[in-house]
Structure formats: C-alpha cells, structure tokens
Amino acid sequence: MNPQAALDAPRWQWIEGKKVEVEAQVDPAIVEGLRSRGHEITVKKDRSTFGRGQIIWRREDGTLVGATEGRTDGTVAAF
C-alpha cells in the first residue's frame, strides 16, 4: 500500500480474548468471517478510538511522500 492507502484503510483493535472492535468501513464479509470463527466483533461508528496518523516516507530515490488521514485534522510537511 502507498502511505495514503495505508492510513485510509479501515482499522480494528483487539480488546481482549476474542473481542475485537472494527470500524464501520470494514467489509461485512470480513466481519461475518471473523464471527463464524468465534470472534466477538463490535462494529463501531465512532472512529475516534482507532488512533491517528501521518506518514512521511522516503523512497529509495530520496523522494518524500506524505500522507494524512480523515479521522482527525492534520497535515504533512516535509522539506
């Protein structure tokens, strides 16, 4: 994934045992697949508990690639 795609991807968090919370954007087939394997999945509409991030990635050629996400306000700056 490129940095922006990685930050935009739906997130999940392990709570304990087989309890996992996922963002509402997670594919329903994935949620059902996990449930069928015995996991307790909670789909959360509130994305604020899944963390935030900004990325600056230096490619092999020295080019800097920046990304930020929609879960919070933020920006990426590189020089």
C-alpha atoms as a PDB file:
ATOM      1  CA  MET A   1       0.000   0.000   0.000  1.00  0.00           C
ATOM      2  CA  ASN A   2       1.090   3.540  -0.532  1.00  0.00           C
ATOM      3  CA  PRO A   3       1.115   5.749   2.602  1.00  0.00           C
ATOM      4  CA  GLN A   4      -2.278   7.332   1.915  1.00  0.00           C
ATOM      5  CA  ALA A   5      -3.975   3.990   1.253  1.00  0.00           C
ATOM      6  CA  ALA A   6      -2.489   2.606   4.474  1.00  0.00           C
ATOM      7  CA  LEU A   7      -3.887   5.485   6.539  1.00  0.00           C
ATOM      8  CA  ASP A   8      -7.268   5.317   4.822  1.00  0.00           C
ATOM      9  CA  ALA A   9      -7.689   1.563   5.380  1.00  0.00           C
ATOM     10  CA  PRO A  10     -10.317   0.503   7.939  1.00  0.00           C
ATOM     11  CA  ARG A  11      -8.867  -0.173  11.366  1.00  0.00           C
ATOM     12  CA  TRP A  12      -9.505  -2.681  14.086  1.00  0.00           C
ATOM     13  CA  GLN A  13      -8.400  -3.095  17.679  1.00  0.00           C
ATOM     14  CA  TRP A  14      -8.076  -6.136  19.860  1.00  0.00           C
ATOM     15  CA  ILE A  15      -9.803  -5.665  23.211  1.00  0.00           C
ATOM     16  CA  GLU A  16      -9.237  -8.988  24.998  1.00  0.00           C
ATOM     17  CA  GLY A  17      -9.671 -12.676  24.351  1.00  0.00           C
ATOM     18  CA  LYS A  18     -11.661 -12.903  21.132  1.00  0.00           C
ATOM     19  CA  LYS A  19     -13.184  -9.412  21.461  1.00  0.00           C
ATOM     20  CA  VAL A  20     -12.310  -7.124  18.570  1.00  0.00           C
ATOM     21  CA  GLU A  21     -13.687  -3.717  17.604  1.00  0.00           C
ATOM     22  CA  VAL A  22     -13.687  -2.689  13.951  1.00  0.00           C
ATOM     23  CA  GLU A  23     -14.548   0.488  12.110  1.00  0.00           C
ATOM     24  CA  ALA A  24     -17.848   0.528  10.227  1.00  0.00           C
ATOM     25  CA  GLN A  25     -15.920   0.662   6.929  1.00  0.00           C
ATOM     26  CA  VAL A  26     -14.645  -2.911   7.364  1.00  0.00           C
ATOM     27  CA  ASP A  27     -16.085  -5.212   4.688  1.00  0.00           C
ATOM     28  CA  PRO A  28     -19.141  -7.010   6.155  1.00  0.00           C
ATOM     29  CA  ALA A  29     -17.827 -10.309   4.740  1.00  0.00           C
ATOM     30  CA  ILE A  30     -14.719  -9.939   6.904  1.00  0.00           C
ATOM     31  CA  VAL A  31     -16.846  -9.216   9.970  1.00  0.00           C
ATOM     32  CA  GLU A  32     -19.015 -12.284   9.332  1.00  0.00           C
ATOM     33  CA  GLY A  33     -15.963 -14.431   8.623  1.00  0.00           C
ATOM     34  CA  LEU A  34     -14.454 -13.479  11.978  1.00  0.00           C
ATOM     35  CA  ARG A  35     -17.739 -14.076  13.772  1.00  0.00           C
ATOM     36  CA  SER A  36     -18.041 -17.509  12.175  1.00  0.00           C
ATOM     37  CA  ARG A  37     -14.633 -18.319  13.680  1.00  0.00           C
ATOM     38  CA  GLY A  38     -15.838 -17.427  17.173  1.00  0.00           C
ATOM     39  CA  HIS A  39     -14.661 -13.827  17.476  1.00  0.00           C
ATOM     40  CA  GLU A  40     -16.840 -11.272  19.242  1.00  0.00           C
ATOM     41  CA  ILE A  41     -16.891  -8.376  16.775  1.00  0.00           C
ATOM     42  CA  THR A  42     -18.241  -4.927  17.595  1.00  0.00           C
ATOM     43  CA  VAL A  43     -18.668  -2.605  14.622  1.00  0.00           C
ATOM     44  CA  LYS A  44     -18.148   0.974  15.811  1.00  0.00           C
ATOM     45  CA  LYS A  45     -19.420   4.046  14.003  1.00  0.00           C
ATOM     46  CA  ASP A  46     -17.268   6.336  16.164  1.00  0.00           C
ATOM     47  CA  ARG A  47     -13.787   6.246  14.632  1.00  0.00           C
ATOM     48  CA  SER A  48     -12.131   8.369  17.339  1.00  0.00           C
ATOM     49  CA  THR A  49     -10.782   5.412  19.350  1.00  0.00           C
ATOM     50  CA  PHE A  50      -8.785   3.892  16.486  1.00  0.00           C
ATOM     51  CA  GLY A  51      -5.826   6.257  16.569  1.00  0.00           C
ATOM     52  CA  ARG A  52      -4.495   8.811  14.162  1.00  0.00           C
ATOM     53  CA  GLY A  53      -1.532   9.058  11.911  1.00  0.00           C
ATOM     54  CA  GLN A  54       0.530  10.983   9.481  1.00  0.00           C
ATOM     55  CA  ILE A  55       3.307   9.431   7.401  1.00  0.00           C
ATOM     56  CA  ILE A  56       6.349  10.747   5.636  1.00  0.00           C
ATOM     57  CA  TRP A  57       8.045   8.005   3.626  1.00  0.00           C
ATOM     58  CA  ARG A  58      11.439   8.424   1.986  1.00  0.00           C
ATOM     59  CA  ARG A  59      11.530   6.387  -1.202  1.00  0.00           C
ATOM     60  CA  GLU A  60      14.739   4.755  -2.423  1.00  0.00           C
ATOM     61  CA  ASP A  61      15.284   7.609  -4.867  1.00  0.00           C
ATOM     62  CA  GLY A  62      15.117  10.135  -1.996  1.00  0.00           C
ATOM     63  CA  THR A  63      11.666  11.456  -2.873  1.00  0.00           C
ATOM     64  CA  LEU A  64       9.469  12.173   0.151  1.00  0.00           C
ATOM     65  CA  VAL A  65       5.845  11.006   0.050  1.00  0.00           C
ATOM     66  CA  GLY A  66       3.452  12.355   2.678  1.00  0.00           C
ATOM     67  CA  ALA A  67       0.010  11.267   3.793  1.00  0.00           C
ATOM     68  CA  THR A  68      -2.531  12.215   6.429  1.00  0.00           C
ATOM     69  CA  GLU A  69      -5.936  10.868   7.287  1.00  0.00           C
ATOM     70  CA  GLY A  70      -9.557  11.865   7.679  1.00  0.00           C
ATOM     71  CA  ARG A  71     -10.028  10.633  11.255  1.00  0.00           C
ATOM     72  CA  THR A  72      -8.624  13.899  12.539  1.00  0.00           C
ATOM     73  CA  ASP A  73      -7.432  17.215  11.271  1.00  0.00           C
ATOM     74  CA  GLY A  74      -3.771  17.165  10.387  1.00  0.00           C
ATOM     75  CA  THR A  75      -1.224  17.863   7.741  1.00  0.00           C
ATOM     76  CA  VAL A  76       2.072  16.528   6.495  1.00  0.00           C
ATOM     77  CA  ALA A  77       5.047  18.758   5.762  1.00  0.00           C
ATOM     78  CA  ALA A  78       8.455  17.668   4.509  1.00  0.00           C
ATOM     79  CA  PHE A  79      11.466  19.573   3.244  1.00  0.00           C
END
